[in-house]
């Protein structure tokens, strides 16, 4: 699925994981596990756009939870074309993703990793290790 991911792709990956429910947060679609949001639609606000300047993406933006500040820094360094952040997210373990620029494998990885971070231990152990 080269480039141009859609919300349908996000939904397919997210709902394919155990114990996931679709919901809304701040009027936007989100996906939760154990009552905790791990992936959500994150429109950019006026301040975000001002902070980003020329780097504002044209397309849809998805937010995903990551494994702490370390995981966030790693992802931002590894995938600068796809992942970004805004000052509003400083100190919050999540990155923003340019949905139009993310390809299938990375999209799956981002959603599954976010699920791993937020899923309750019992749900995670039922799902088995990631490498299985």
Protein backbone atom coordinates (compact mmCIF):
# COMPACT_ATOMS: atom_id res chain seq x y z
CA UNK A 1 0.00 0.00 0.00
CA UNK A 2 2.51 2.62 -1.11
CA UNK A 3 1.81 6.01 0.47
CA UNK A 4 -1.50 7.77 1.05
CA UNK A 5 -2.84 5.87 4.02
CA UNK A 6 -6.48 6.52 4.89
CA UNK A 7 -8.57 6.47 8.06
CA UNK A 8 -10.04 3.20 6.75
CA UNK A 9 -6.52 1.71 6.93
CA UNK A 10 -6.07 3.03 10.47
CA UNK A 11 -9.45 1.62 11.47
CA UNK A 12 -8.66 -1.79 9.93
CA UNK A 13 -5.34 -2.06 11.78
CA UNK A 14 -6.64 -0.71 15.10
CA UNK A 15 -9.81 -2.78 15.21
CA UNK A 16 -7.81 -5.87 14.22
CA UNK A 17 -6.09 -5.68 17.62
CA UNK A 18 -7.63 -7.22 20.75
CA UNK A 19 -10.01 -5.29 23.01
CA UNK A 20 -10.13 -2.18 20.83
CA UNK A 21 -13.15 0.10 20.66
CA UNK A 22 -13.70 3.09 18.43
CA UNK A 23 -14.81 6.23 20.21
CA UNK A 24 -14.51 10.02 19.96
CA UNK A 25 -12.30 12.46 21.80
CA UNK A 26 -12.83 16.22 21.47
CA UNK A 27 -15.26 15.44 18.65
CA UNK A 28 -12.68 13.44 16.67
CA UNK A 29 -12.46 9.70 16.03
CA UNK A 30 -10.16 7.73 18.28
CA UNK A 31 -9.37 4.13 19.09
CA UNK A 32 -9.06 2.92 22.66
CA UNK A 33 -7.85 -0.16 24.46
CA UNK A 34 -8.85 -0.72 28.07
CA UNK A 35 -10.52 2.70 28.00
CA UNK A 36 -7.28 4.46 27.02
CA UNK A 37 -6.84 6.24 23.71
CA UNK A 38 -3.85 5.02 21.68
CA UNK A 39 -4.57 6.46 18.21
CA UNK A 40 -6.67 9.50 17.33
CA UNK A 41 -7.56 12.00 14.62
CA UNK A 42 -5.68 15.18 15.53
CA UNK A 43 -6.58 18.24 13.45
CA UNK A 44 -4.01 21.02 13.79
CA UNK A 45 -5.18 24.13 15.59
CA UNK A 46 -4.24 27.71 14.81
CA UNK A 47 -1.38 27.69 17.31
CA UNK A 48 -0.05 24.36 15.96
CA UNK A 49 -0.04 25.82 12.45
CA UNK A 50 1.74 28.96 13.62
CA UNK A 51 4.33 26.85 15.47
CA UNK A 52 4.92 24.62 12.43
CA UNK A 53 5.10 27.44 9.88
CA UNK A 54 6.06 26.04 6.47
CA UNK A 55 6.13 22.50 7.84
CA UNK A 56 2.32 22.30 8.17
CA UNK A 57 1.18 19.10 6.44
CA UNK A 58 -1.54 19.46 3.80
CA UNK A 59 -3.32 16.24 4.61
CA UNK A 60 -4.85 14.46 7.57
CA UNK A 61 -2.96 14.14 10.85
CA UNK A 62 -3.08 11.15 13.17
CA UNK A 63 -1.67 11.07 16.70
CA UNK A 64 -0.22 7.88 18.21
CA UNK A 65 0.96 7.16 21.72
CA UNK A 66 4.62 6.19 22.06
CA UNK A 67 6.80 4.61 24.70
CA UNK A 68 7.85 7.67 26.70
CA UNK A 69 10.00 10.61 25.66
CA UNK A 70 12.74 8.22 24.51
CA UNK A 71 10.41 6.43 22.13
CA UNK A 72 9.18 9.78 20.87
CA UNK A 73 12.68 11.15 20.17
CA UNK A 74 13.65 7.90 18.44
CA UNK A 75 10.62 7.96 16.16
CA UNK A 76 11.01 11.64 15.28
CA UNK A 77 14.65 10.99 14.35
CA UNK A 78 13.95 7.78 12.42
CA UNK A 79 10.90 8.98 10.44
CA UNK A 80 11.21 12.76 9.96
CA UNK A 81 9.23 12.67 6.70
CA UNK A 82 6.25 11.07 8.40
CA UNK A 83 6.35 11.83 12.13
CA UNK A 84 6.42 15.28 13.72
CA UNK A 85 5.36 17.05 16.88
CA UNK A 86 4.11 20.44 18.07
CA UNK A 87 4.92 22.38 21.25
CA UNK A 88 1.44 21.43 22.55
CA UNK A 89 2.74 17.84 22.78
CA UNK A 90 5.96 18.72 24.68
CA UNK A 91 6.34 16.31 27.58
CA UNK A 92 3.48 14.15 26.28
CA UNK A 93 4.40 10.69 24.93
CA UNK A 94 2.80 10.90 21.49
CA UNK A 95 3.81 11.86 17.96
CA UNK A 96 1.82 13.25 15.07
CA UNK A 97 1.80 11.38 11.78
CA UNK A 98 1.26 12.75 8.27
CA UNK A 99 -1.32 10.22 7.14
CA UNK A 100 -0.75 11.02 3.46
CA UNK A 101 2.95 10.20 3.75
CA UNK A 102 2.95 7.02 5.81
CA UNK A 103 3.19 3.69 4.03
CA UNK A 104 1.43 0.50 5.08
CA UNK A 105 4.15 -1.27 7.02
CA UNK A 106 5.07 1.77 9.08
CA UNK A 107 1.40 2.61 9.67
CA UNK A 108 0.79 -0.89 11.02
CA UNK A 109 3.89 -0.62 13.21
CA UNK A 110 2.89 2.78 14.62
CA UNK A 111 -0.66 1.67 15.46
CA UNK A 112 0.46 -1.68 16.93
CA UNK A 113 3.21 -0.02 18.99
CA UNK A 114 0.74 2.56 20.32
CA UNK A 115 -1.61 -0.30 21.25
CA UNK A 116 1.25 -2.10 23.06
CA UNK A 117 2.03 1.05 25.07
CA UNK A 118 -1.57 1.59 26.21
CA UNK A 119 -3.02 -1.94 26.45
CA UNK A 120 -3.53 -3.35 29.95
CA UNK A 121 -1.00 -6.11 30.79
CA UNK A 122 -3.68 -8.84 30.69
CA UNK A 123 -4.77 -7.86 27.18
CA UNK A 124 -1.14 -7.65 26.03
CA UNK A 125 -0.26 -11.09 27.36
CA UNK A 126 -3.31 -12.59 25.62
CA UNK A 127 -2.11 -11.01 22.38
CA UNK A 128 1.31 -12.65 22.73
CA UNK A 129 4.73 -11.14 22.05
CA UNK A 130 5.18 -8.81 19.14
CA UNK A 131 7.67 -11.03 17.36
CA UNK A 132 5.39 -14.08 17.33
